[in-house]
Amino acid sequence: MSERTGVYHGATMLKLAGILSGLVALLHLAVIFVGASAYRYFGAGEEMAQLAQRGSPLPALITGAIVAVFAVWALYGFSGAGWIRRLPLLRIGLLTIGVVYTLRGLALGPELVWHFSGGAALVPARLPVFSAVSLLTGVLYLWGTLRAWTRLSRRPAS
């Protein structure tokens, strides 16, 4: 495989990672508008759900900050893919984002064990799905960054 092909595939993986981060941001935005039931379903905790139910702005503010983080992560994926201008600390940012997603995704193993060993009430099927998406996204960020490493190291002409 040529370096050019590796860079192409790296860009494709980073585009997909950015798209997944964008979708996660949109999902969190939807949680704000749906309210308490969405906070419960997506595992934010009963306290957040009750605050949302009582009309407290705190859950929306916290979730809005999370939306912003995932949106920035999407932009980093798009920047690494070459869709938008180069963002600061691009390689470090992409690696950090990939590590965070991957670490979150590593919960998949224990969740599957608990779910299938009779703990389905404690670990509903949606939780391993969330972990699988996190793991996939993290691998896309990491693998895409490594495949495009040389191109990502180039500084734009000033």
N, C-alpha and C. Protein backbone atom coordinates (compact mmCIF):
# COMPACT_ATOMS: atom_id res chain seq x y z
N MET A 1 0.86 -1.18 0.00
CA MET A 1 0.00 0.00 0.00
C MET A 1 0.90 1.23 0.00
N SER A 2 0.60 2.15 -0.86
CA SER A 2 1.41 3.36 -0.96
C SER A 2 1.07 4.32 0.17
N GLU A 3 2.01 5.29 0.39
CA GLU A 3 1.75 6.30 1.42
C GLU A 3 0.50 7.08 1.07
N ARG A 4 0.30 7.34 -0.22
CA ARG A 4 -0.87 8.11 -0.67
C ARG A 4 -2.16 7.39 -0.30
N THR A 5 -2.20 6.08 -0.50
CA THR A 5 -3.39 5.31 -0.13
C THR A 5 -3.62 5.36 1.37
N GLY A 6 -2.54 5.25 2.16
CA GLY A 6 -2.66 5.33 3.62
C GLY A 6 -3.23 6.66 4.06
N VAL A 7 -2.76 7.73 3.42
CA VAL A 7 -3.27 9.07 3.75
C VAL A 7 -4.74 9.15 3.39
N TYR A 8 -5.11 8.63 2.22
CA TYR A 8 -6.52 8.67 1.80
C TYR A 8 -7.39 7.94 2.81
N HIS A 9 -6.98 6.75 3.19
CA HIS A 9 -7.79 5.99 4.14
C HIS A 9 -7.81 6.66 5.51
N GLY A 10 -6.68 7.27 5.89
CA GLY A 10 -6.65 8.02 7.14
C GLY A 10 -7.66 9.16 7.12
N ALA A 11 -7.72 9.88 6.00
CA ALA A 11 -8.68 10.99 5.88
C ALA A 11 -10.11 10.46 5.94
N THR A 12 -10.36 9.34 5.31
CA THR A 12 -11.70 8.76 5.33
C THR A 12 -12.10 8.37 6.76
N MET A 13 -11.17 7.77 7.49
CA MET A 13 -11.47 7.39 8.87
C MET A 13 -11.73 8.62 9.73
N LEU A 14 -10.96 9.68 9.51
CA LEU A 14 -11.15 10.90 10.30
C LEU A 14 -12.47 11.59 9.93
N LYS A 15 -12.88 11.51 8.66
CA LYS A 15 -14.19 12.05 8.27
C LYS A 15 -15.30 11.29 9.01
N LEU A 16 -15.19 9.97 9.00
CA LEU A 16 -16.20 9.15 9.69
C LEU A 16 -16.21 9.44 11.19
N ALA A 17 -15.04 9.57 11.78
CA ALA A 17 -14.95 9.88 13.21
C ALA A 17 -15.60 11.23 13.49
N GLY A 18 -15.33 12.21 12.63
CA GLY A 18 -15.93 13.54 12.80
C GLY A 18 -17.45 13.48 12.66
N ILE A 19 -17.92 12.70 11.71
CA ILE A 19 -19.37 12.56 11.52
C ILE A 19 -19.99 11.92 12.76
N LEU A 20 -19.36 10.87 13.30
CA LEU A 20 -19.89 10.23 14.50
C LEU A 20 -19.90 11.20 15.68
N SER A 21 -18.83 11.99 15.84
CA SER A 21 -18.82 12.99 16.92
C SER A 21 -19.93 14.01 16.73
N GLY A 22 -20.16 14.42 15.48
CA GLY A 22 -21.24 15.36 15.20
C GLY A 22 -22.60 14.77 15.55
N LEU A 23 -22.78 13.50 15.25
CA LEU A 23 -24.04 12.83 15.58
C LEU A 23 -24.22 12.71 17.10
N VAL A 24 -23.13 12.45 17.80
CA VAL A 24 -23.20 12.39 19.27
C VAL A 24 -23.56 13.76 19.82
N ALA A 25 -22.99 14.81 19.24
CA ALA A 25 -23.34 16.18 19.68
C ALA A 25 -24.83 16.44 19.45
N LEU A 26 -25.33 16.07 18.28
CA LEU A 26 -26.76 16.27 17.98
C LEU A 26 -27.65 15.46 18.92
N LEU A 27 -27.22 14.25 19.25
CA LEU A 27 -27.99 13.42 20.18
C LEU A 27 -28.08 14.09 21.55
N HIS A 28 -26.97 14.63 22.01
CA HIS A 28 -26.98 15.33 23.30
C HIS A 28 -27.85 16.59 23.24
N LEU A 29 -27.83 17.26 22.12
CA LEU A 29 -28.69 18.43 21.94
C LEU A 29 -30.16 18.02 22.03
N ALA A 30 -30.50 16.90 21.41
CA ALA A 30 -31.87 16.40 21.46
C ALA A 30 -32.28 16.07 22.90
N VAL A 31 -31.35 15.55 23.69
CA VAL A 31 -31.63 15.22 25.09
C VAL A 31 -32.12 16.46 25.83
N ILE A 32 -31.49 17.61 25.56
CA ILE A 32 -31.89 18.85 26.22
C ILE A 32 -33.36 19.15 25.93
N PHE A 33 -33.76 18.98 24.67
CA PHE A 33 -35.12 19.34 24.27
C PHE A 33 -36.16 18.30 24.69
N VAL A 34 -35.75 17.03 24.73
CA VAL A 34 -36.69 15.99 25.15
C VAL A 34 -36.92 16.05 26.65
N GLY A 35 -35.85 16.27 27.41
CA GLY A 35 -36.01 16.46 28.85
C GLY A 35 -35.74 15.23 29.69
N ALA A 36 -36.45 15.15 30.80
CA ALA A 36 -36.19 14.17 31.86
C ALA A 36 -36.14 12.73 31.36
N SER A 37 -37.06 12.35 30.51
CA SER A 37 -37.07 10.95 30.04
C SER A 37 -35.81 10.63 29.25
N ALA A 38 -35.31 11.59 28.49
CA ALA A 38 -34.08 11.36 27.72
C ALA A 38 -32.87 11.29 28.65
N TYR A 39 -32.85 12.13 29.68
CA TYR A 39 -31.75 12.07 30.64
C TYR A 39 -31.73 10.69 31.30
N ARG A 40 -32.89 10.16 31.64
CA ARG A 40 -32.96 8.82 32.24
C ARG A 40 -32.50 7.75 31.26
N TYR A 41 -33.03 7.80 30.04
CA TYR A 41 -32.74 6.77 29.04
C TYR A 41 -31.25 6.71 28.72
N PHE A 42 -30.63 7.86 28.60
CA PHE A 42 -29.23 7.89 28.20
C PHE A 42 -28.25 7.84 29.37
N GLY A 43 -28.78 7.62 30.58
CA GLY A 43 -27.93 7.32 31.72
C GLY A 43 -27.32 8.51 32.43
N ALA A 44 -27.94 9.67 32.33
CA ALA A 44 -27.41 10.85 33.00
C ALA A 44 -27.64 10.82 34.50
N GLY A 45 -28.50 9.94 34.94
CA GLY A 45 -28.77 9.83 36.37
C GLY A 45 -30.10 10.44 36.75
N GLU A 46 -30.63 9.91 37.81
CA GLU A 46 -31.96 10.34 38.27
C GLU A 46 -31.95 11.79 38.73
N GLU A 47 -30.86 12.23 39.34
CA GLU A 47 -30.79 13.62 39.81
C GLU A 47 -30.89 14.60 38.64
N MET A 48 -30.18 14.32 37.56
CA MET A 48 -30.27 15.19 36.37
C MET A 48 -31.68 15.15 35.81
N ALA A 49 -32.28 13.98 35.76
CA ALA A 49 -33.64 13.85 35.24
C ALA A 49 -34.62 14.66 36.08
N GLN A 50 -34.49 14.55 37.39
CA GLN A 50 -35.40 15.30 38.27
C GLN A 50 -35.18 16.80 38.16
N LEU A 51 -33.94 17.23 38.05
CA LEU A 51 -33.67 18.66 37.85
C LEU A 51 -34.32 19.15 36.56
N ALA A 52 -34.18 18.37 35.50
CA ALA A 52 -34.80 18.74 34.22
C ALA A 52 -36.31 18.79 34.35
N GLN A 53 -36.87 17.82 35.06
CA GLN A 53 -38.32 17.76 35.26
C GLN A 53 -38.83 18.98 36.03
N ARG A 54 -38.03 19.46 36.95
CA ARG A 54 -38.42 20.63 37.75
C ARG A 54 -38.14 21.95 37.03
N GLY A 55 -37.55 21.86 35.84
CA GLY A 55 -37.30 23.08 35.06
C GLY A 55 -35.99 23.77 35.38
N SER A 56 -35.10 23.11 36.10
CA SER A 56 -33.80 23.69 36.41
C SER A 56 -32.99 23.86 35.12
N PRO A 57 -32.27 24.95 34.97
CA PRO A 57 -31.43 25.13 33.78
C PRO A 57 -30.13 24.32 33.85
N LEU A 58 -29.78 23.79 35.01
CA LEU A 58 -28.51 23.10 35.18
C LEU A 58 -28.30 21.93 34.21
N PRO A 59 -29.27 21.01 34.06
CA PRO A 59 -29.04 19.91 33.11
C PRO A 59 -28.80 20.41 31.68
N ALA A 60 -29.53 21.42 31.27
CA ALA A 60 -29.34 21.96 29.92
C ALA A 60 -27.97 22.61 29.78
N LEU A 61 -27.51 23.31 30.81
CA LEU A 61 -26.19 23.95 30.75
C LEU A 61 -25.07 22.91 30.70
N ILE A 62 -25.18 21.89 31.53
CA ILE A 62 -24.17 20.83 31.54
C ILE A 62 -24.17 20.09 30.20
N THR A 63 -25.35 19.74 29.73
CA THR A 63 -25.45 19.01 28.47
C THR A 63 -25.04 19.89 27.30
N GLY A 64 -25.33 21.17 27.38
CA GLY A 64 -24.88 22.11 26.34
C GLY A 64 -23.36 22.16 26.26
N ALA A 65 -22.70 22.13 27.40
CA ALA A 65 -21.24 22.09 27.41
C ALA A 65 -20.73 20.80 26.76
N ILE A 66 -21.42 19.70 27.03
CA ILE A 66 -21.05 18.42 26.43
C ILE A 66 -21.26 18.47 24.91
N VAL A 67 -22.35 19.10 24.48
CA VAL A 67 -22.60 19.29 23.04
C VAL A 67 -21.43 20.04 22.41
N ALA A 68 -20.99 21.10 23.07
CA ALA A 68 -19.88 21.91 22.55
C ALA A 68 -18.60 21.08 22.42
N VAL A 69 -18.32 20.25 23.41
CA VAL A 69 -17.12 19.40 23.36
C VAL A 69 -17.19 18.46 22.17
N PHE A 70 -18.31 17.76 22.01
CA PHE A 70 -18.43 16.82 20.89
C PHE A 70 -18.40 17.55 19.54
N ALA A 71 -18.94 18.74 19.48
CA ALA A 71 -18.91 19.52 18.24
C ALA A 71 -17.47 19.91 17.90
N VAL A 72 -16.70 20.31 18.90
CA VAL A 72 -15.28 20.63 18.66
C VAL A 72 -14.53 19.37 18.22
N TRP A 73 -14.85 18.24 18.84
CA TRP A 73 -14.20 17.00 18.44
C TRP A 73 -14.55 16.66 16.98
N ALA A 74 -15.78 16.91 16.58
CA ALA A 74 -16.15 16.69 15.18
C ALA A 74 -15.30 17.59 14.28
N LEU A 75 -15.14 18.84 14.66
CA LEU A 75 -14.32 19.77 13.87
C LEU A 75 -12.88 19.28 13.75
N TYR A 76 -12.35 18.71 14.82
CA TYR A 76 -10.99 18.17 14.76
C TYR A 76 -10.92 17.00 13.78
N GLY A 77 -11.92 16.14 13.78
CA GLY A 77 -11.95 15.05 12.80
C GLY A 77 -11.98 15.60 11.38
N PHE A 78 -12.81 16.59 11.16
CA PHE A 78 -12.93 17.19 9.82
C PHE A 78 -11.64 17.91 9.43
N SER A 79 -10.99 18.54 10.39
CA SER A 79 -9.72 19.21 10.11
C SER A 79 -8.65 18.18 9.74
N GLY A 80 -8.59 17.10 10.49
CA GLY A 80 -7.63 16.04 10.18
C GLY A 80 -7.88 15.41 8.83
N ALA A 81 -9.14 15.37 8.41
CA ALA A 81 -9.50 14.81 7.12
C ALA A 81 -9.26 15.79 5.98
N GLY A 82 -9.00 17.03 6.32
CA GLY A 82 -8.77 18.04 5.28
C GLY A 82 -10.03 18.72 4.81
N TRP A 83 -11.15 18.51 5.49
CA TRP A 83 -12.42 19.14 5.09
C TRP A 83 -12.48 20.60 5.47
N ILE A 84 -11.83 20.95 6.57
CA ILE A 84 -11.79 22.34 7.02
C ILE A 84 -10.34 22.70 7.30
N ARG A 85 -10.10 23.98 7.59
CA ARG A 85 -8.72 24.44 7.82
C ARG A 85 -8.10 23.69 8.99
N ARG A 86 -6.80 23.73 9.03
CA ARG A 86 -6.05 23.06 10.10
C ARG A 86 -6.31 23.76 11.43
N LEU A 87 -6.69 22.96 12.44
CA LEU A 87 -6.92 23.48 13.78
C LEU A 87 -5.65 23.38 14.61
N PRO A 88 -5.54 24.19 15.66
CA PRO A 88 -4.33 24.16 16.50
C PRO A 88 -4.13 22.79 17.16
N LEU A 89 -2.88 22.42 17.31
CA LEU A 89 -2.50 21.17 17.99
C LEU A 89 -3.25 19.97 17.41
N LEU A 90 -3.32 19.91 16.10
CA LEU A 90 -4.18 18.93 15.43
C LEU A 90 -3.83 17.49 15.80
N ARG A 91 -2.57 17.10 15.65
CA ARG A 91 -2.23 15.70 15.92
C ARG A 91 -2.45 15.35 17.39
N ILE A 92 -2.03 16.21 18.30
CA ILE A 92 -2.23 15.96 19.73
C ILE A 92 -3.73 15.90 20.04
N GLY A 93 -4.49 16.82 19.46
CA GLY A 93 -5.94 16.83 19.68
C GLY A 93 -6.59 15.55 19.19
N LEU A 94 -6.24 15.12 17.99
CA LEU A 94 -6.84 13.90 17.43
C LEU A 94 -6.49 12.68 18.27
N LEU A 95 -5.23 12.59 18.70
CA LEU A 95 -4.83 11.45 19.53
C LEU A 95 -5.56 11.48 20.88
N THR A 96 -5.66 12.64 21.47
CA THR A 96 -6.35 12.76 22.76
C THR A 96 -7.82 12.37 22.64
N ILE A 97 -8.47 12.88 21.61
CA ILE A 97 -9.89 12.55 21.38
C ILE A 97 -10.04 11.04 21.18
N GLY A 98 -9.15 10.46 20.38
CA GLY A 98 -9.20 9.02 20.14
C GLY A 98 -9.02 8.21 21.41
N VAL A 99 -8.11 8.65 22.27
CA VAL A 99 -7.87 7.94 23.54
C VAL A 99 -9.10 8.05 24.45
N VAL A 100 -9.69 9.24 24.53
CA VAL A 100 -10.86 9.42 25.40
C VAL A 100 -12.01 8.53 24.94
N TYR A 101 -12.31 8.55 23.64
CA TYR A 101 -13.37 7.69 23.12
C TYR A 101 -13.06 6.21 23.37
N THR A 102 -11.82 5.82 23.12
CA THR A 102 -11.44 4.41 23.26
C THR A 102 -11.54 3.96 24.72
N LEU A 103 -11.07 4.80 25.64
CA LEU A 103 -11.19 4.44 27.05
C LEU A 103 -12.65 4.29 27.45
N ARG A 104 -13.51 5.18 26.98
CA ARG A 104 -14.95 5.06 27.26
C ARG A 104 -15.50 3.76 26.66
N GLY A 105 -15.03 3.44 25.46
CA GLY A 105 -15.50 2.25 24.77
C GLY A 105 -15.06 0.94 25.40
N LEU A 106 -13.99 0.99 26.17
CA LEU A 106 -13.50 -0.24 26.81
C LEU A 106 -14.47 -0.78 27.86
N ALA A 107 -15.46 0.00 28.24
CA ALA A 107 -16.50 -0.50 29.13
C ALA A 107 -17.32 -1.59 28.45
N LEU A 108 -17.20 -1.70 27.13
CA LEU A 108 -17.97 -2.68 26.38
C LEU A 108 -17.79 -4.11 26.91
N GLY A 109 -16.55 -4.50 27.16
CA GLY A 109 -16.30 -5.86 27.63
C GLY A 109 -17.04 -6.19 28.91
N PRO A 110 -16.80 -5.43 29.98
CA PRO A 110 -17.53 -5.72 31.23
C PRO A 110 -19.04 -5.60 31.08
N GLU A 111 -19.50 -4.62 30.29
CA GLU A 111 -20.96 -4.47 30.11
C GLU A 111 -21.56 -5.70 29.45
N LEU A 112 -20.88 -6.25 28.47
CA LEU A 112 -21.39 -7.46 27.81
C LEU A 112 -21.41 -8.64 28.77
N VAL A 113 -20.35 -8.77 29.56
CA VAL A 113 -20.30 -9.87 30.54
C VAL A 113 -21.45 -9.73 31.53
N TRP A 114 -21.62 -8.53 32.09
CA TRP A 114 -22.69 -8.32 33.07
C TRP A 114 -24.07 -8.51 32.43
N HIS A 115 -24.23 -8.00 31.23
CA HIS A 115 -25.54 -8.10 30.58
C HIS A 115 -25.92 -9.56 30.34
N PHE A 116 -24.97 -10.35 29.82
CA PHE A 116 -25.30 -11.72 29.44
C PHE A 116 -25.14 -12.72 30.59
N SER A 117 -24.68 -12.27 31.74
CA SER A 117 -24.59 -13.18 32.88
C SER A 117 -25.72 -12.91 33.87
N GLY A 118 -26.83 -12.40 33.36
CA GLY A 118 -28.01 -12.22 34.19
C GLY A 118 -28.19 -10.82 34.72
N GLY A 119 -27.37 -9.90 34.31
CA GLY A 119 -27.49 -8.54 34.81
C GLY A 119 -28.15 -7.60 33.83
N ALA A 120 -29.02 -8.14 32.95
CA ALA A 120 -29.65 -7.31 31.93
C ALA A 120 -30.47 -6.17 32.54
N ALA A 121 -30.97 -6.37 33.75
CA ALA A 121 -31.72 -5.30 34.41
C ALA A 121 -30.79 -4.16 34.82
N LEU A 122 -29.56 -4.50 35.19
CA LEU A 122 -28.57 -3.49 35.59
C LEU A 122 -27.85 -2.88 34.39
N VAL A 123 -27.65 -3.68 33.35
CA VAL A 123 -26.95 -3.23 32.15
C VAL A 123 -27.84 -3.47 30.94
N PRO A 124 -28.75 -2.53 30.67
CA PRO A 124 -29.62 -2.71 29.51
C PRO A 124 -28.80 -2.72 28.21
N ALA A 125 -29.33 -3.34 27.19
CA ALA A 125 -28.61 -3.53 25.92
C ALA A 125 -28.11 -2.22 25.32
N ARG A 126 -28.78 -1.12 25.59
CA ARG A 126 -28.35 0.15 24.99
C ARG A 126 -26.97 0.59 25.50
N LEU A 127 -26.60 0.21 26.72
CA LEU A 127 -25.30 0.63 27.27
C LEU A 127 -24.13 0.02 26.51
N PRO A 128 -24.14 -1.31 26.23
CA PRO A 128 -23.07 -1.84 25.39
C PRO A 128 -23.07 -1.24 23.98
N VAL A 129 -24.23 -0.87 23.47
CA VAL A 129 -24.28 -0.21 22.15
C VAL A 129 -23.57 1.14 22.23
N PHE A 130 -23.82 1.92 23.28
CA PHE A 130 -23.14 3.21 23.45
C PHE A 130 -21.63 3.00 23.55
N SER A 131 -21.22 1.97 24.28
CA SER A 131 -19.79 1.69 24.42
C SER A 131 -19.18 1.26 23.09
N ALA A 132 -19.91 0.46 22.33
CA ALA A 132 -19.41 0.02 21.02
C ALA A 132 -19.22 1.20 20.08
N VAL A 133 -20.15 2.13 20.10
CA VAL A 133 -20.03 3.33 19.27
C VAL A 133 -18.82 4.15 19.71
N SER A 134 -18.61 4.28 21.01
CA SER A 134 -17.45 5.00 21.53
C SER A 134 -16.15 4.32 21.10
N LEU A 135 -16.11 3.01 21.23
CA LEU A 135 -14.91 2.27 20.84
C LEU A 135 -14.64 2.43 19.35
N LEU A 136 -15.66 2.27 18.53
CA LEU A 136 -15.50 2.45 17.09
C LEU A 136 -14.99 3.85 16.76
N THR A 137 -15.59 4.85 17.37
CA THR A 137 -15.20 6.23 17.11
C THR A 137 -13.75 6.47 17.53
N GLY A 138 -13.38 5.97 18.70
CA GLY A 138 -12.01 6.11 19.16
C GLY A 138 -11.00 5.46 18.23
N VAL A 139 -11.32 4.25 17.78
CA VAL A 139 -10.43 3.55 16.85
C VAL A 139 -10.32 4.32 15.54
N LEU A 140 -11.42 4.88 15.06
CA LEU A 140 -11.36 5.68 13.83
C LEU A 140 -10.46 6.90 14.00
N TYR A 141 -10.60 7.60 15.12
CA TYR A 141 -9.72 8.75 15.38
C TYR A 141 -8.26 8.31 15.44
N LEU A 142 -7.97 7.27 16.21
CA LEU A 142 -6.59 6.86 16.39
C LEU A 142 -5.97 6.29 15.11
N TRP A 143 -6.68 5.38 14.48
CA TRP A 143 -6.16 4.74 13.28
C TRP A 143 -6.06 5.76 12.15
N GLY A 144 -7.08 6.59 12.01
CA GLY A 144 -7.05 7.62 10.96
C GLY A 144 -5.91 8.59 11.17
N THR A 145 -5.66 8.97 12.41
CA THR A 145 -4.55 9.88 12.71
C THR A 145 -3.22 9.23 12.37
N LEU A 146 -3.05 7.99 12.76
CA LEU A 146 -1.79 7.30 12.47
C LEU A 146 -1.58 7.12 10.97
N ARG A 147 -2.64 6.80 10.25
CA ARG A 147 -2.53 6.62 8.79
C ARG A 147 -2.21 7.93 8.08
N ALA A 148 -2.66 9.04 8.61
CA ALA A 148 -2.44 10.34 7.98
C ALA A 148 -1.35 11.14 8.68
N TRP A 149 -0.58 10.50 9.54
CA TRP A 149 0.38 11.18 10.42
C TRP A 149 1.31 12.14 9.66
N THR A 150 1.90 11.67 8.58
CA THR A 150 2.85 12.48 7.82
C THR A 150 2.17 13.73 7.28
N ARG A 151 1.02 13.58 6.68
CA ARG A 151 0.30 14.74 6.14
C ARG A 151 -0.11 15.68 7.26
N LEU A 152 -0.50 15.14 8.39
CA LEU A 152 -0.92 15.97 9.52
C LEU A 152 0.23 16.75 10.14
N SER A 153 1.46 16.32 9.90
CA SER A 153 2.60 17.01 10.49
C SER A 153 3.01 18.24 9.68
N ARG A 154 2.54 18.34 8.47
CA ARG A 154 2.91 19.46 7.62
C ARG A 154 2.26 20.74 8.09
N ARG A 155 3.04 21.76 8.17
CA ARG A 155 2.53 23.09 8.52
C ARG A 155 2.07 23.77 7.25
N PRO A 156 0.93 24.47 7.31
CA PRO A 156 0.49 25.19 6.13
C PRO A 156 1.48 26.34 5.81
N ALA A 157 1.59 26.63 4.54
CA ALA A 157 2.46 27.73 4.10
C ALA A 157 1.93 29.06 4.64
N SER A 158 2.86 29.91 5.15
CA SER A 158 2.39 31.20 5.67
C SER A 158 2.69 32.31 4.73
